Protein backbone atom coordinates (compact mmCIF):
# COMPACT_ATOMS: atom_id res chain seq x y z
CA MET A 1 3.83 17.41 -7.98
CA THR A 2 0.73 16.18 -6.21
CA ALA A 3 -1.03 12.84 -6.50
CA ASP A 4 -3.98 14.55 -8.24
CA THR A 5 -1.66 15.88 -10.96
CA VAL A 6 -0.22 12.40 -11.52
CA ARG A 7 -3.69 10.84 -11.56
CA LYS A 8 -4.88 13.30 -14.20
CA THR A 9 -1.73 13.00 -16.33
CA LEU A 10 -1.57 9.18 -16.27
CA GLY A 11 -5.30 8.50 -16.02
CA VAL A 12 -4.99 6.70 -12.67
CA SER A 13 -8.32 6.16 -10.90
CA ASP A 14 -8.99 7.18 -7.30
CA GLU A 15 -9.15 3.53 -6.23
CA PHE A 16 -5.33 3.40 -6.26
CA LYS A 17 -3.04 5.03 -3.73
CA LEU A 18 0.05 6.64 -5.20
CA LEU A 19 3.38 6.40 -3.42
CA PHE A 20 6.49 8.32 -4.31
CA GLY A 21 9.95 7.73 -3.01
CA ILE A 22 13.25 9.33 -3.90
CA ALA A 23 16.56 8.66 -2.20
CA PHE A 24 19.59 10.88 -2.45
CA GLY A 25 23.11 10.10 -1.30
CA THR A 26 25.40 7.11 -1.35
CA ALA A 27 24.97 3.63 0.08
CA LYS A 28 26.77 2.64 3.27
CA PRO A 29 27.71 -1.04 2.74
CA ASP A 30 28.26 -1.61 6.47
CA SER A 31 24.95 -0.07 7.60
CA PRO A 32 22.77 -2.36 9.80
CA VAL A 33 19.77 -1.29 7.72
CA ARG A 34 21.15 -3.36 4.86
CA ASP A 35 20.60 -6.51 6.95
CA LEU A 36 16.82 -6.01 7.15
CA ASP A 37 14.72 -8.60 5.34
CA ILE A 38 11.17 -7.26 5.16
CA GLY A 39 10.00 -9.49 2.33
CA ARG A 40 8.52 -8.21 -0.89
CA VAL A 41 6.04 -9.32 -3.50
CA PRO A 42 7.32 -9.53 -7.08
CA LEU A 43 7.32 -6.15 -8.83
CA PRO A 44 4.67 -7.12 -11.41
CA GLU A 45 2.25 -7.70 -8.49
CA SER A 46 2.78 -4.27 -6.95
CA VAL A 47 3.85 -1.87 -9.72
CA VAL A 48 1.96 -0.53 -12.73
CA LEU A 49 4.07 0.98 -15.51
CA HIS A 50 2.27 3.28 -17.94
CA ASP A 51 3.36 3.44 -21.58
CA THR A 52 6.28 1.12 -20.85
CA PRO A 53 6.97 -2.39 -22.18
CA LEU A 54 6.06 -5.12 -19.72
CA TRP A 55 8.72 -7.03 -17.79
């Protein structure tokens, strides 16, 4: 599925960039990656849910 298909289906304007991410597999609890702290904004500031109840 391309970003243009998602834009058309959900009515998302071109001013927004769409990002998709899917992870497969199992977590490794002892992985050094799990120690990274990159900081994040709260989800309501960075995510738009369409046709879904708000937080």
